[in-house]
């Protein structure tokens, strides 16, 4: 299994880079996190969905609205399949 600490570190660095407006530096880190989580944990695991959301947010701030929208739809649909209808992530959706 992939080292969860390594992915956590990559995600944290990606977040720091995004917050400092280094979007191009954050992009490969968020893409790697999403790919590893999908491969190791599956497409509907909470860590996978969080990494999809992080990448979607990055695309949004980069002005890549089409890519952001695709990822946001993917994330929402996975949550609809896996979370109870009363879950707080779906109540406002």
N, C-alpha and C. Protein backbone atom coordinates (compact mmCIF):
# COMPACT_ATOMS: atom_id res chain seq x y z
N UNK A 1 0.84 -1.19 0.00
CA UNK A 1 0.00 0.00 0.00
C UNK A 1 0.88 1.25 0.00
N UNK A 2 0.42 2.26 -0.70
CA UNK A 2 1.17 3.52 -0.75
C UNK A 2 1.26 4.13 0.64
N UNK A 3 2.30 4.87 0.88
CA UNK A 3 2.52 5.53 2.16
C UNK A 3 1.56 6.70 2.30
N UNK A 4 0.60 6.58 3.22
CA UNK A 4 -0.36 7.64 3.44
C UNK A 4 0.30 8.93 3.89
N UNK A 5 1.41 8.80 4.65
CA UNK A 5 2.14 9.99 5.08
C UNK A 5 2.72 10.76 3.92
N UNK A 6 3.19 10.02 2.91
CA UNK A 6 3.74 10.68 1.72
C UNK A 6 2.65 11.45 0.98
N UNK A 7 1.47 10.88 0.88
CA UNK A 7 0.39 11.58 0.20
C UNK A 7 -0.09 12.75 1.03
N UNK A 8 -0.10 12.60 2.34
CA UNK A 8 -0.47 13.73 3.20
C UNK A 8 0.51 14.88 3.05
N UNK A 9 1.79 14.54 2.99
CA UNK A 9 2.82 15.56 2.81
C UNK A 9 2.70 16.24 1.44
N UNK A 10 2.42 15.45 0.41
CA UNK A 10 2.25 16.01 -0.94
C UNK A 10 1.03 16.94 -0.97
N UNK A 11 -0.05 16.51 -0.33
CA UNK A 11 -1.25 17.33 -0.28
C UNK A 11 -1.00 18.64 0.48
N UNK A 12 -0.32 18.54 1.61
CA UNK A 12 -0.03 19.74 2.41
C UNK A 12 0.86 20.71 1.64
N UNK A 13 1.86 20.19 0.95
CA UNK A 13 2.72 21.05 0.14
C UNK A 13 1.93 21.68 -1.00
N UNK A 14 1.07 20.88 -1.64
CA UNK A 14 0.23 21.43 -2.71
C UNK A 14 -0.66 22.55 -2.21
N UNK A 15 -1.22 22.36 -1.03
CA UNK A 15 -2.07 23.39 -0.43
C UNK A 15 -1.27 24.66 -0.15
N UNK A 16 -0.06 24.50 0.42
CA UNK A 16 0.79 25.67 0.70
C UNK A 16 1.16 26.39 -0.60
N UNK A 17 1.48 25.64 -1.63
CA UNK A 17 1.81 26.26 -2.91
C UNK A 17 0.61 26.99 -3.49
N UNK A 18 -0.56 26.37 -3.42
CA UNK A 18 -1.77 27.02 -3.93
C UNK A 18 -2.04 28.31 -3.17
N UNK A 19 -1.90 28.26 -1.84
CA UNK A 19 -2.15 29.45 -1.03
C UNK A 19 -1.15 30.57 -1.32
N UNK A 20 0.04 30.20 -1.80
CA UNK A 20 1.03 31.22 -2.15
C UNK A 20 0.99 31.56 -3.64
N UNK A 21 -0.07 31.12 -4.31
CA UNK A 21 -0.33 31.40 -5.72
C UNK A 21 0.63 30.71 -6.68
N UNK A 22 1.31 29.66 -6.21
CA UNK A 22 2.16 28.85 -7.10
C UNK A 22 1.32 27.69 -7.62
N UNK A 23 0.40 28.01 -8.50
CA UNK A 23 -0.56 27.02 -9.00
C UNK A 23 0.12 25.93 -9.82
N UNK A 24 1.09 26.31 -10.63
CA UNK A 24 1.78 25.31 -11.45
C UNK A 24 2.58 24.35 -10.58
N UNK A 25 3.07 24.81 -9.45
CA UNK A 25 3.77 23.92 -8.53
C UNK A 25 2.82 22.99 -7.79
N UNK A 26 1.62 23.47 -7.49
CA UNK A 26 0.63 22.67 -6.77
C UNK A 26 -0.01 21.61 -7.66
N UNK A 27 -0.17 21.91 -8.94
CA UNK A 27 -0.90 21.03 -9.85
C UNK A 27 -0.39 19.59 -9.87
N UNK A 28 0.91 19.33 -10.09
CA UNK A 28 1.34 17.93 -10.15
C UNK A 28 1.20 17.20 -8.80
N UNK A 29 1.29 17.94 -7.71
CA UNK A 29 1.13 17.31 -6.40
C UNK A 29 -0.31 16.86 -6.19
N UNK A 30 -1.27 17.72 -6.51
CA UNK A 30 -2.68 17.36 -6.37
C UNK A 30 -3.07 16.24 -7.36
N UNK A 31 -2.51 16.29 -8.56
CA UNK A 31 -2.80 15.22 -9.52
C UNK A 31 -2.25 13.89 -9.03
N UNK A 32 -1.05 13.90 -8.45
CA UNK A 32 -0.47 12.67 -7.92
C UNK A 32 -1.31 12.13 -6.76
N UNK A 33 -1.72 13.00 -5.86
CA UNK A 33 -2.55 12.57 -4.73
C UNK A 33 -3.83 11.91 -5.23
N UNK A 34 -4.49 12.53 -6.17
CA UNK A 34 -5.73 11.98 -6.68
C UNK A 34 -5.49 10.63 -7.34
N UNK A 35 -4.46 10.52 -8.16
CA UNK A 35 -4.18 9.26 -8.86
C UNK A 35 -3.85 8.13 -7.88
N UNK A 36 -3.03 8.43 -6.88
CA UNK A 36 -2.66 7.40 -5.90
C UNK A 36 -3.88 6.98 -5.08
N UNK A 37 -4.66 7.94 -4.62
CA UNK A 37 -5.84 7.58 -3.85
C UNK A 37 -6.82 6.75 -4.68
N UNK A 38 -7.03 7.12 -5.92
CA UNK A 38 -7.92 6.33 -6.77
C UNK A 38 -7.42 4.90 -6.91
N UNK A 39 -6.13 4.75 -7.14
CA UNK A 39 -5.55 3.43 -7.35
C UNK A 39 -5.56 2.60 -6.06
N UNK A 40 -5.21 3.21 -4.96
CA UNK A 40 -5.05 2.47 -3.71
C UNK A 40 -6.37 2.31 -2.96
N UNK A 41 -7.19 3.34 -2.93
CA UNK A 41 -8.39 3.32 -2.10
C UNK A 41 -9.69 3.24 -2.87
N UNK A 42 -9.63 3.46 -4.17
CA UNK A 42 -10.85 3.40 -4.97
C UNK A 42 -11.44 4.78 -5.19
N UNK A 43 -12.33 4.86 -6.14
CA UNK A 43 -12.89 6.13 -6.57
C UNK A 43 -13.89 6.77 -5.63
N UNK A 44 -14.35 6.04 -4.61
CA UNK A 44 -15.38 6.60 -3.73
C UNK A 44 -14.91 6.73 -2.28
N UNK A 45 -13.64 6.50 -2.02
CA UNK A 45 -13.11 6.64 -0.67
C UNK A 45 -13.04 8.13 -0.31
N UNK A 46 -13.23 8.45 0.96
CA UNK A 46 -13.26 9.85 1.38
C UNK A 46 -11.96 10.60 1.06
N UNK A 47 -10.82 9.91 1.14
CA UNK A 47 -9.55 10.58 0.79
C UNK A 47 -9.47 10.85 -0.70
N UNK A 48 -9.99 9.92 -1.49
CA UNK A 48 -10.02 10.14 -2.94
C UNK A 48 -10.91 11.33 -3.27
N UNK A 49 -12.08 11.38 -2.65
CA UNK A 49 -13.00 12.48 -2.91
C UNK A 49 -12.42 13.82 -2.45
N UNK A 50 -11.71 13.81 -1.34
CA UNK A 50 -11.06 15.04 -0.88
C UNK A 50 -9.99 15.49 -1.88
N UNK A 51 -9.23 14.54 -2.42
CA UNK A 51 -8.19 14.91 -3.37
C UNK A 51 -8.79 15.39 -4.69
N UNK A 52 -9.92 14.82 -5.09
CA UNK A 52 -10.62 15.30 -6.28
C UNK A 52 -11.09 16.73 -6.04
N UNK A 53 -11.63 16.99 -4.86
CA UNK A 53 -12.09 18.33 -4.52
C UNK A 53 -10.95 19.34 -4.50
N UNK A 54 -9.80 18.94 -3.97
CA UNK A 54 -8.63 19.83 -3.95
C UNK A 54 -8.19 20.19 -5.37
N UNK A 55 -8.15 19.18 -6.23
CA UNK A 55 -7.75 19.43 -7.61
C UNK A 55 -8.78 20.30 -8.33
N UNK A 56 -10.05 20.05 -8.07
CA UNK A 56 -11.10 20.88 -8.68
C UNK A 56 -10.96 22.33 -8.25
N UNK A 57 -10.70 22.55 -6.97
CA UNK A 57 -10.54 23.91 -6.47
C UNK A 57 -9.34 24.60 -7.12
N UNK A 58 -8.26 23.86 -7.26
CA UNK A 58 -7.08 24.43 -7.91
C UNK A 58 -7.39 24.83 -9.36
N UNK A 59 -8.05 23.93 -10.09
CA UNK A 59 -8.43 24.28 -11.47
C UNK A 59 -9.31 25.52 -11.49
N UNK A 60 -10.21 25.64 -10.52
CA UNK A 60 -11.09 26.80 -10.47
C UNK A 60 -10.29 28.09 -10.30
N UNK A 61 -9.36 28.11 -9.33
CA UNK A 61 -8.59 29.34 -9.11
C UNK A 61 -7.64 29.64 -10.26
N UNK A 62 -7.29 28.62 -11.04
CA UNK A 62 -6.45 28.82 -12.22
C UNK A 62 -7.25 29.28 -13.42
N UNK A 63 -8.57 29.35 -13.26
CA UNK A 63 -9.43 29.76 -14.37
C UNK A 63 -9.78 28.64 -15.32
N UNK A 64 -9.49 27.42 -14.94
CA UNK A 64 -9.79 26.25 -15.76
C UNK A 64 -11.15 25.68 -15.33
N UNK A 65 -12.17 26.43 -15.65
CA UNK A 65 -13.51 26.14 -15.14
C UNK A 65 -14.09 24.83 -15.66
N UNK A 66 -13.80 24.48 -16.88
CA UNK A 66 -14.31 23.23 -17.44
C UNK A 66 -13.76 22.03 -16.69
N UNK A 67 -12.45 22.01 -16.45
CA UNK A 67 -11.83 20.91 -15.70
C UNK A 67 -12.35 20.87 -14.27
N UNK A 68 -12.50 22.05 -13.66
CA UNK A 68 -13.01 22.13 -12.29
C UNK A 68 -14.42 21.56 -12.22
N UNK A 69 -15.26 21.94 -13.16
CA UNK A 69 -16.64 21.47 -13.17
C UNK A 69 -16.72 19.96 -13.33
N UNK A 70 -15.92 19.40 -14.23
CA UNK A 70 -15.92 17.94 -14.41
C UNK A 70 -15.57 17.22 -13.12
N UNK A 71 -14.55 17.70 -12.43
CA UNK A 71 -14.14 17.06 -11.18
C UNK A 71 -15.18 17.26 -10.08
N UNK A 72 -15.79 18.44 -10.02
CA UNK A 72 -16.81 18.69 -9.01
C UNK A 72 -18.03 17.80 -9.24
N UNK A 73 -18.41 17.60 -10.48
CA UNK A 73 -19.54 16.71 -10.78
C UNK A 73 -19.19 15.28 -10.40
N UNK A 74 -17.98 14.84 -10.74
CA UNK A 74 -17.55 13.49 -10.37
C UNK A 74 -17.60 13.29 -8.86
N UNK A 75 -17.12 14.25 -8.12
CA UNK A 75 -17.10 14.17 -6.67
C UNK A 75 -18.52 14.14 -6.10
N UNK A 76 -19.36 15.01 -6.59
CA UNK A 76 -20.75 15.06 -6.11
C UNK A 76 -21.48 13.75 -6.39
N UNK A 77 -21.31 13.21 -7.57
CA UNK A 77 -21.99 11.96 -7.90
C UNK A 77 -21.50 10.81 -7.03
N UNK A 78 -20.21 10.76 -6.76
CA UNK A 78 -19.68 9.71 -5.88
C UNK A 78 -20.24 9.87 -4.48
N UNK A 79 -20.34 11.08 -4.00
CA UNK A 79 -20.91 11.32 -2.67
C UNK A 79 -22.39 10.94 -2.64
N UNK A 80 -23.11 11.21 -3.69
CA UNK A 80 -24.53 10.83 -3.75
C UNK A 80 -24.70 9.31 -3.68
N UNK A 81 -23.76 8.59 -4.28
CA UNK A 81 -23.83 7.13 -4.26
C UNK A 81 -23.44 6.54 -2.91
N UNK A 82 -22.58 7.22 -2.17
CA UNK A 82 -21.99 6.61 -0.99
C UNK A 82 -22.46 7.18 0.34
N UNK A 83 -22.97 8.40 0.37
CA UNK A 83 -23.38 9.01 1.63
C UNK A 83 -24.90 8.94 1.79
N UNK A 84 -25.36 8.83 3.03
CA UNK A 84 -26.82 8.87 3.25
C UNK A 84 -27.36 10.23 2.85
N UNK A 85 -28.59 10.27 2.42
CA UNK A 85 -29.20 11.50 1.89
C UNK A 85 -29.19 12.63 2.92
N UNK A 86 -29.18 12.30 4.21
CA UNK A 86 -29.20 13.34 5.24
C UNK A 86 -27.80 13.84 5.60
N UNK A 87 -26.76 13.32 4.97
CA UNK A 87 -25.40 13.72 5.30
C UNK A 87 -25.20 15.20 5.00
N UNK A 88 -24.42 15.86 5.86
CA UNK A 88 -24.24 17.31 5.72
C UNK A 88 -23.62 17.73 4.40
N UNK A 89 -22.83 16.87 3.75
CA UNK A 89 -22.23 17.22 2.46
C UNK A 89 -23.26 17.22 1.34
N UNK A 90 -24.42 16.61 1.58
CA UNK A 90 -25.44 16.55 0.53
C UNK A 90 -26.62 17.47 0.80
N UNK A 91 -26.85 17.83 2.04
CA UNK A 91 -28.00 18.65 2.39
C UNK A 91 -27.99 19.97 1.64
N UNK A 92 -26.83 20.58 1.51
CA UNK A 92 -26.72 21.88 0.84
C UNK A 92 -26.51 21.73 -0.66
N UNK A 93 -26.33 20.51 -1.17
CA UNK A 93 -26.02 20.31 -2.58
C UNK A 93 -27.23 20.47 -3.45
